[in-house]
C-alpha atoms as a PDB file:
ATOM      1  CA  MET A   1     206.172  56.312  79.539  1.00  0.00           C
ATOM      2  CA  LEU A   2     209.000  54.589  77.657  1.00  0.00           C
ATOM      3  CA  LEU A   3     211.276  54.967  80.660  1.00  0.00           C
ATOM      4  CA  ALA A   4     208.667  53.292  82.883  1.00  0.00           C
ATOM      5  CA  ALA A   5     208.417  50.352  80.472  1.00  0.00           C
ATOM      6  CA  LEU A   6     212.206  49.999  80.317  1.00  0.00           C
ATOM      7  CA  MET A   7     212.429  50.055  84.107  1.00  0.00           C
ATOM      8  CA  LEU A   8     209.719  47.411  84.413  1.00  0.00           C
ATOM      9  CA  LEU A   9     211.451  45.116  81.958  1.00  0.00           C
ATOM     10  CA  SER A  10     214.670  45.343  83.938  1.00  0.00           C
ATOM     11  CA  ALA A  11     212.974  45.025  87.339  1.00  0.00           C
ATOM     12  CA  PRO A  12     214.296  42.345  89.694  1.00  0.00           C
ATOM     13  CA  ASN A  13     210.970  40.457  89.697  1.00  0.00           C
ATOM     14  CA  CYS A  14     211.249  39.767  85.946  1.00  0.00           C
ATOM     15  CA  LEU A  15     212.775  36.520  84.741  1.00  0.00           C
ATOM     16  CA  PRO A  16     216.118  36.998  82.965  1.00  0.00           C
ATOM     17  CA  HIS A  17     215.995  36.810  79.176  1.00  0.00           C
ATOM     18  CA  ALA A  18     219.305  34.949  79.023  1.00  0.00           C
ATOM     19  CA  GLY A  19     219.960  31.515  80.474  1.00  0.00           C
ATOM     20  CA  PRO A  20     217.918  28.348  80.882  1.00  0.00           C
ATOM     21  CA  GLN A  21     214.340  28.596  82.121  1.00  0.00           C
ATOM     22  CA  ARG A  22     211.973  26.160  83.830  1.00  0.00           C
ATOM     23  CA  LEU A  23     208.303  27.070  83.513  1.00  0.00           C
ATOM     24  CA  GLU A  24     205.050  25.355  84.437  1.00  0.00           C
ATOM     25  CA  GLY A  25     201.732  25.572  82.611  1.00  0.00           C
ATOM     26  CA  VAL A  26     199.377  23.687  80.317  1.00  0.00           C
ATOM     27  CA  LEU A  27     200.419  22.571  76.830  1.00  0.00           C
ATOM     28  CA  VAL A  28     197.912  23.854  74.248  1.00  0.00           C
ATOM     29  CA  ALA A  29     197.743  23.927  70.449  1.00  0.00           C
ATOM     30  CA  HIS A  30     196.591  27.024  68.595  1.00  0.00           C
ATOM     31  CA  THR A  31     196.116  27.803  64.905  1.00  0.00           C
ATOM     32  CA  PHE A  32     197.364  31.208  63.720  1.00  0.00           C
ATOM     33  CA  PRO A  33     197.133  32.878  60.300  1.00  0.00           C
ATOM     34  CA  GLY A  34     200.328  32.447  58.316  1.00  0.00           C
ATOM     35  CA  PRO A  35     201.480  33.624  54.892  1.00  0.00           C
ATOM     36  CA  PRO A  36     200.962  35.657  52.917  1.00  0.00           C
ATOM     37  CA  ASN A  37     199.624  38.357  55.284  1.00  0.00           C
ATOM     38  CA  PHE A  38     199.637  36.713  58.765  1.00  0.00           C
ATOM     39  CA  GLU A  39     196.253  38.327  59.461  1.00  0.00           C
ATOM     40  CA  SER A  40     193.235  36.139  58.636  1.00  0.00           C
ATOM     41  CA  ILE A  41     192.742  32.482  57.738  1.00  0.00           C
ATOM     42  CA  LYS A  42     189.219  33.390  56.590  1.00  0.00           C
ATOM     43  CA  ASP A  43     190.704  35.856  54.085  1.00  0.00           C
ATOM     44  CA  GLY A  44     193.132  33.301  52.645  1.00  0.00           C
ATOM     45  CA  ASP A  45     196.187  33.176  54.920  1.00  0.00           C
ATOM     46  CA  THR A  46     197.637  29.709  55.414  1.00  0.00           C
ATOM     47  CA  PRO A  47     196.743  28.182  58.794  1.00  0.00           C
ATOM     48  CA  GLU A  48     199.791  27.476  60.979  1.00  0.00           C
ATOM     49  CA  ARG A  49     199.415  25.317  64.074  1.00  0.00           C
ATOM     50  CA  TYR A  50     201.773  25.939  66.982  1.00  0.00           C
ATOM     51  CA  TRP A  51     202.063  24.663  70.514  1.00  0.00           C
ATOM     52  CA  LEU A  52     202.025  27.081  73.398  1.00  0.00           C
ATOM     53  CA  LEU A  53     202.702  26.935  77.100  1.00  0.00           C
ATOM     54  CA  ARG A  54     199.703  28.567  78.810  1.00  0.00           C
ATOM     55  CA  LEU A  55     200.852  29.921  82.170  1.00  0.00           C
ATOM     56  CA  ALA A  56     198.694  29.950  85.304  1.00  0.00           C
ATOM     57  CA  ARG A  57     199.936  33.484  86.109  1.00  0.00           C
ATOM     58  CA  PRO A  58     201.463  36.103  83.838  1.00  0.00           C
ATOM     59  CA  ILE A  59     205.222  36.594  83.922  1.00  0.00           C
ATOM     60  CA  CYS A  60     207.616  39.395  83.047  1.00  0.00           C
ATOM     61  CA  VAL A  61     210.813  38.771  81.080  1.00  0.00           C
ATOM     62  CA  ALA A  62     213.630  41.320  81.401  1.00  0.00           C
ATOM     63  CA  ASN A  63     215.488  42.834  78.473  1.00  0.00           C
ATOM     64  CA  ASP A  64     218.861  41.237  77.810  1.00  0.00           C
ATOM     65  CA  PRO A  65     221.333  44.157  77.928  1.00  0.00           C
ATOM     66  CA  LYS A  66     224.011  41.984  76.284  1.00  0.00           C
ATOM     67  CA  ASP A  67     221.776  41.285  73.260  1.00  0.00           C
ATOM     68  CA  PRO A  68     219.683  44.373  72.458  1.00  0.00           C
ATOM     69  CA  GLU A  69     218.788  43.135  68.948  1.00  0.00           C
ATOM     70  CA  THR A  70     217.162  39.822  69.922  1.00  0.00           C
ATOM     71  CA  GLY A  71     216.897  40.094  73.705  1.00  0.00           C
ATOM     72  CA  GLU A  72     213.802  42.266  73.991  1.00  0.00           C
ATOM     73  CA  GLY A  73     211.817  41.607  77.159  1.00  0.00           C
ATOM     74  CA  ALA A  74     208.065  41.321  77.592  1.00  0.00           C
ATOM     75  CA  LYS A  75     205.532  41.950  80.325  1.00  0.00           C
ATOM     76  CA  ASN A  76     202.220  40.310  81.198  1.00  0.00           C
ATOM     77  CA  VAL A  77     203.187  37.122  79.311  1.00  0.00           C
ATOM     78  CA  ARG A  78     200.412  34.534  79.592  1.00  0.00           C
ATOM     79  CA  GLU A  79     201.315  32.254  76.677  1.00  0.00           C
ATOM     80  CA  ILE A  80     204.694  31.268  75.258  1.00  0.00           C
ATOM     81  CA  GLN A  81     205.146  29.774  71.810  1.00  0.00           C
ATOM     82  CA  LEU A  82     207.326  26.666  71.942  1.00  0.00           C
ATOM     83  CA  ILE A  83     209.975  26.110  69.274  1.00  0.00           C
ATOM     84  CA  LEU A  84     210.099  22.339  68.824  1.00  0.00           C
ATOM     85  CA  ALA A  85     211.991  20.026  66.490  1.00  0.00           C
ATOM     86  CA  PRO A  86     209.709  18.187  64.019  1.00  0.00           C
ATOM     87  CA  GLU A  87     210.237  14.852  65.799  1.00  0.00           C
ATOM     88  CA  ASP A  88     209.182  16.374  69.152  1.00  0.00           C
ATOM     89  CA  PHE A  89     205.524  16.727  68.128  1.00  0.00           C
ATOM     90  CA  ALA A  90     204.884  12.968  68.071  1.00  0.00           C
ATOM     91  CA  ARG A  91     206.826  12.440  71.299  1.00  0.00           C
ATOM     92  CA  TYR A  92     205.045  15.203  73.230  1.00  0.00           C
ATOM     93  CA  ARG A  93     201.540  14.859  71.694  1.00  0.00           C
ATOM     94  CA  PRO A  94     200.245  12.880  74.735  1.00  0.00           C
ATOM     95  CA  LEU A  95     200.979  15.990  76.868  1.00  0.00           C
ATOM     96  CA  LEU A  96     198.551  18.260  74.967  1.00  0.00           C
ATOM     97  CA  GLY A  97     195.958  19.689  77.338  1.00  0.00           C
ATOM     98  CA  LYS A  98     197.910  18.552  80.384  1.00  0.00           C
ATOM     99  CA  PRO A  99     199.938  20.393  83.036  1.00  0.00           C
ATOM    100  CA  ILE A 100     203.606  20.313  82.071  1.00  0.00           C
ATOM    101  CA  ILE A 101     207.059  21.572  82.904  1.00  0.00           C
ATOM    102  CA  ALA A 102     208.820  23.229  79.943  1.00  0.00           C
ATOM    103  CA  GLN A 103     212.537  23.897  79.937  1.00  0.00           C
ATOM    104  CA  GLY A 104     214.455  25.924  77.376  1.00  0.00           C
ATOM    105  CA  ASP A 105     215.807  29.371  76.572  1.00  0.00           C
ATOM    106  CA  PHE A 106     213.808  32.523  75.908  1.00  0.00           C
ATOM    107  CA  MET A 107     213.939  34.202  72.538  1.00  0.00           C
ATOM    108  CA  SER A 108     212.164  37.257  71.194  1.00  0.00           C
ATOM    109  CA  PRO A 109     209.901  37.055  68.132  1.00  0.00           C
ATOM    110  CA  MET A 110     211.764  37.656  64.878  1.00  0.00           C
ATOM    111  CA  SER A 111     209.305  36.738  62.117  1.00  0.00           C
ATOM    112  CA  GLY A 112     205.631  36.578  61.229  1.00  0.00           C
ATOM    113  CA  HIS A 113     205.701  32.913  62.280  1.00  0.00           C
ATOM    114  CA  HIS A 114     206.326  33.964  65.890  1.00  0.00           C
ATOM    115  CA  HIS A 115     202.999  34.705  67.563  1.00  0.00           C
ATOM    116  CA  THR A 116     203.742  35.447  71.218  1.00  0.00           C
ATOM    117  CA  SER A 117     205.747  38.250  72.811  1.00  0.00           C
ATOM    118  CA  ILE A 118     208.327  35.749  74.055  1.00  0.00           C
ATOM    119  CA  LEU A 119     209.161  32.231  72.810  1.00  0.00           C
ATOM    120  CA  LEU A 120     210.956  29.228  74.288  1.00  0.00           C
ATOM    121  CA  GLN A 121     213.581  27.418  72.176  1.00  0.00           C
ATOM    122  CA  GLY A 122     215.639  24.280  72.808  1.00  0.00           C
ATOM    123  CA  VAL A 123     212.545  22.913  74.531  1.00  0.00           C
ATOM    124  CA  THR A 124     212.130  19.787  76.600  1.00  0.00           C
ATOM    125  CA  LEU A 125     208.737  18.929  78.094  1.00  0.00           C
ATOM    126  CA  ALA A 126     207.673  16.709  80.965  1.00  0.00           C
ATOM    127  CA  ARG A 127     204.347  15.979  82.615  1.00  0.00           C
ATOM    128  CA  ARG A 128     203.983  17.954  85.825  1.00  0.00           C
ATOM    129  CA  PRO A 129     203.573  15.604  88.801  1.00  0.00           C
END
């Protein structure tokens, strides 16, 4: 079973983990439970609001063999958390709920603040024509 998953995540139809990416989808905001337990806002965890790229079709991201610690791939990815600079939220707010093009580099989740199986960092956004 593990071998099948590893083969899938290195399959040629998966996007490479390394290098710049250009993806299309809809920009959405979502509130996740944050500290202390990252489990339930109702039970007292701090709400954390993040922006996601919601894809029209799921994608597969290959493992990065050159970076096994932080280059873990993912399959059936439907939403990607966007890592934005604080000043980007005001600039990109008019794009919420709209079809966009997001460009950046994939990264794997590394903390409880990362809520999708793959994230996009160094992000620039543009309205999709």
